[in-house]
Protein backbone atom coordinates (compact mmCIF):
# COMPACT_ATOMS: atom_id res chain seq x y z
CA MET A 1 0.00 0.00 0.00
CA ALA A 2 1.28 3.48 -0.86
CA SER A 3 2.20 5.91 1.87
CA GLU A 4 0.29 9.17 2.27
CA ASP A 5 3.22 11.04 0.73
CA ASP A 6 3.18 8.70 -2.27
CA MET A 7 -0.57 9.22 -2.64
CA LEU A 8 0.05 12.95 -3.00
CA ALA A 9 2.82 12.63 -5.59
CA LEU A 10 1.81 14.34 -8.80
CA ASP A 11 2.72 11.36 -10.97
CA ASN A 12 0.42 9.14 -8.89
CA GLN A 13 -2.63 11.28 -9.62
CA LEU A 14 -5.18 9.93 -12.12
CA CYS A 15 -6.38 13.48 -12.72
CA PHE A 16 -2.92 14.62 -13.75
CA ALA A 17 -2.38 11.69 -16.11
CA LEU A 18 -5.73 12.49 -17.79
CA TYR A 19 -4.98 16.22 -17.86
CA ALA A 20 -1.51 15.77 -19.38
CA ALA A 21 -2.75 13.24 -21.94
CA ASN A 22 -5.60 15.57 -22.89
CA ARG A 23 -3.19 18.47 -23.40
CA ALA A 24 -0.86 16.29 -25.50
CA VAL A 25 -3.69 15.03 -27.71
CA THR A 26 -5.15 18.51 -28.11
CA ALA A 27 -1.70 19.83 -29.08
CA ARG A 28 -1.48 17.17 -31.81
CA TYR A 29 -4.89 18.29 -33.12
CA ARG A 30 -3.95 21.98 -33.22
CA PRO A 31 -1.99 22.04 -36.52
CA LEU A 32 -4.49 19.72 -38.21
CA LEU A 33 -7.43 21.86 -37.16
CA ALA A 34 -5.59 25.04 -38.15
CA GLU A 35 -5.98 23.84 -41.74
CA LEU A 36 -9.75 24.11 -41.19
CA ASN A 37 -9.44 27.27 -39.11
CA LEU A 38 -11.15 25.50 -36.19
CA THR A 39 -10.30 25.34 -32.53
CA TYR A 40 -10.54 21.97 -30.81
CA PRO A 41 -13.88 22.81 -29.08
CA GLN A 42 -15.28 24.08 -32.41
CA TYR A 43 -14.19 20.80 -34.02
CA LEU A 44 -16.08 18.86 -31.34
CA VAL A 45 -19.23 20.90 -32.05
CA MET A 46 -18.90 20.21 -35.77
CA LEU A 47 -18.41 16.47 -35.11
CA VAL A 48 -21.73 16.33 -33.26
CA LEU A 49 -23.50 18.26 -36.00
CA TRP A 50 -22.00 16.08 -38.74
CA GLU A 51 -23.22 13.01 -36.85
CA ALA A 52 -26.73 14.49 -36.72
CA GLY A 53 -27.08 14.62 -40.49
CA GLN A 54 -27.22 16.94 -43.42
CA GLU A 55 -28.01 20.62 -43.84
CA GLY A 56 -31.25 21.52 -42.15
CA THR A 57 -30.97 18.81 -39.47
CA THR A 58 -31.09 20.70 -36.20
CA VAL A 59 -29.73 19.89 -32.77
CA ARG A 60 -30.98 21.61 -29.66
CA VAL A 61 -28.22 23.64 -28.05
CA SER A 62 -29.09 22.04 -24.71
CA ASP A 63 -28.60 18.57 -26.23
CA LEU A 64 -25.31 19.68 -27.79
CA GLY A 65 -24.17 20.91 -24.38
CA LYS A 66 -25.09 17.60 -22.75
CA ARG A 67 -23.29 15.61 -25.42
CA LEU A 68 -20.11 17.71 -25.16
CA ARG A 69 -20.46 18.23 -21.40
CA LEU A 70 -20.28 21.99 -21.88
CA ASP A 71 -22.39 24.64 -20.19
CA SER A 72 -24.21 27.32 -22.18
CA GLY A 73 -21.70 29.96 -21.10
CA THR A 74 -18.98 28.04 -22.93
CA LEU A 75 -21.09 26.78 -25.82
CA THR A 76 -22.82 30.04 -26.80
CA PRO A 77 -19.64 31.94 -27.81
CA LEU A 78 -18.40 28.85 -29.70
CA LEU A 79 -21.63 28.68 -31.68
CA LYS A 80 -21.59 32.43 -32.28
CA ARG A 81 -18.11 32.23 -33.83
CA LEU A 82 -19.10 29.25 -35.97
CA ALA A 83 -22.21 31.14 -37.14
CA GLU A 84 -20.12 34.23 -37.98
CA ARG A 85 -18.05 31.98 -40.26
CA ASP A 86 -21.25 30.63 -41.86
CA LEU A 87 -20.55 27.08 -40.65
CA VAL A 88 -23.72 26.80 -38.57
CA THR A 89 -27.07 28.50 -38.18
CA ARG A 90 -28.70 29.19 -34.83
CA LEU A 91 -32.47 29.48 -34.63
CA ARG A 92 -34.96 30.06 -31.83
CA ASP A 93 -37.85 27.62 -31.78
CA THR A 94 -41.03 29.43 -32.83
CA ALA A 95 -43.14 27.41 -30.38
CA ASP A 96 -40.78 27.95 -27.44
CA GLU A 97 -38.32 30.82 -27.76
CA ARG A 98 -36.27 29.46 -24.86
CA VAL A 99 -35.20 26.61 -27.13
CA VAL A 100 -32.33 27.34 -29.53
CA THR A 101 -31.36 24.90 -32.24
CA VAL A 102 -28.23 24.76 -34.33
CA ALA A 103 -27.58 23.16 -37.71
CA PRO A 104 -24.62 22.96 -40.07
CA THR A 105 -24.82 25.16 -43.13
CA GLU A 106 -23.86 24.01 -46.61
CA LYS A 107 -20.36 25.36 -45.93
CA GLY A 108 -20.26 23.52 -42.59
CA ILE A 109 -21.29 20.26 -44.23
CA ALA A 110 -18.68 20.70 -46.96
CA MET A 111 -16.02 21.07 -44.27
CA ARG A 112 -16.77 17.50 -43.15
CA GLN A 113 -15.11 16.14 -46.28
CA ARG A 114 -11.95 18.14 -45.54
CA ALA A 115 -11.94 16.85 -41.95
CA ARG A 116 -12.27 13.14 -42.80
CA ASP A 117 -8.55 12.41 -42.62
CA ILE A 118 -7.91 14.21 -39.32
CA PRO A 119 -8.39 11.18 -37.02
CA GLY A 120 -5.98 9.08 -39.11
CA ARG A 121 -3.42 11.84 -39.43
CA LEU A 122 -3.58 12.48 -35.69
CA LEU A 123 -2.22 9.04 -34.84
CA CYS A 124 0.09 8.71 -37.83
CA GLY A 125 3.64 8.26 -36.63
CA THR A 126 2.75 7.75 -32.97
CA GLY A 127 3.31 4.00 -33.03
CA ILE A 128 0.07 3.45 -31.12
CA ASP A 129 -1.90 0.69 -32.77
CA GLN A 130 -5.62 0.95 -33.45
CA ALA A 131 -6.60 -1.84 -31.04
CA ARG A 132 -4.83 -0.08 -28.16
CA ILE A 133 -6.59 3.21 -28.97
CA VAL A 134 -9.99 1.49 -29.09
CA ALA A 135 -9.34 -0.29 -25.78
CA LEU A 136 -8.20 2.95 -24.11
CA ARG A 137 -11.21 4.88 -25.43
CA GLU A 138 -13.59 2.21 -24.13
CA GLU A 139 -11.89 2.15 -20.73
CA LEU A 140 -12.12 5.95 -20.48
CA ARG A 141 -15.81 5.84 -21.43
CA SER A 142 -16.37 3.26 -18.70
CA VAL A 143 -14.61 5.42 -16.11
CA LEU A 144 -16.59 8.47 -17.24
CA SER A 145 -19.85 6.55 -17.00
CA LEU A 146 -19.05 5.43 -13.47
CA LEU A 147 -18.06 8.93 -12.38
CA GLU A 148 -21.14 10.55 -13.91
CA ALA A 149 -23.42 7.91 -12.35
CA GLN A 150 -22.06 8.86 -8.93
CA GLY A 151 -22.77 12.55 -9.45
CA GLU A 152 -20.80 15.43 -8.01
CA PRO A 153 -19.15 14.83 -4.61
CA SER A 154 -21.31 17.66 -3.21
CA ASP A 155 -24.44 15.76 -4.40
CA ARG A 156 -23.77 12.97 -1.88
């Protein structure tokens, strides 16, 4: 069993390993996304919209926030910048003006084709094989699911 001092060592922290890995992966994305003039969070938004379908297929902003685990204070400026670039449209629901939907524009859909090779290029040259990536992704999803099922520590 590890001593209390060992438990507090930075390199023994799960949170730090996840944080450092996230920063390293995001840094690898940066030059690839620069070709599309997208930030990493903007890329994530576009991924969700591309999954949803073609032009005219809308996603509620609240559902987008849940999927990306982003609050509206973070998501709203992202969507505004994407709309300014004519990659998405934002519309208020006519039946309930509190509901805002977002959809990719024709230009946003066309960008999907240019983004297709990003996942492959990201891992090119890393020496990490596909099976290991899939296993790691599934393990992280499992950990996330367990953590989210428990709720916030203050909820208990």
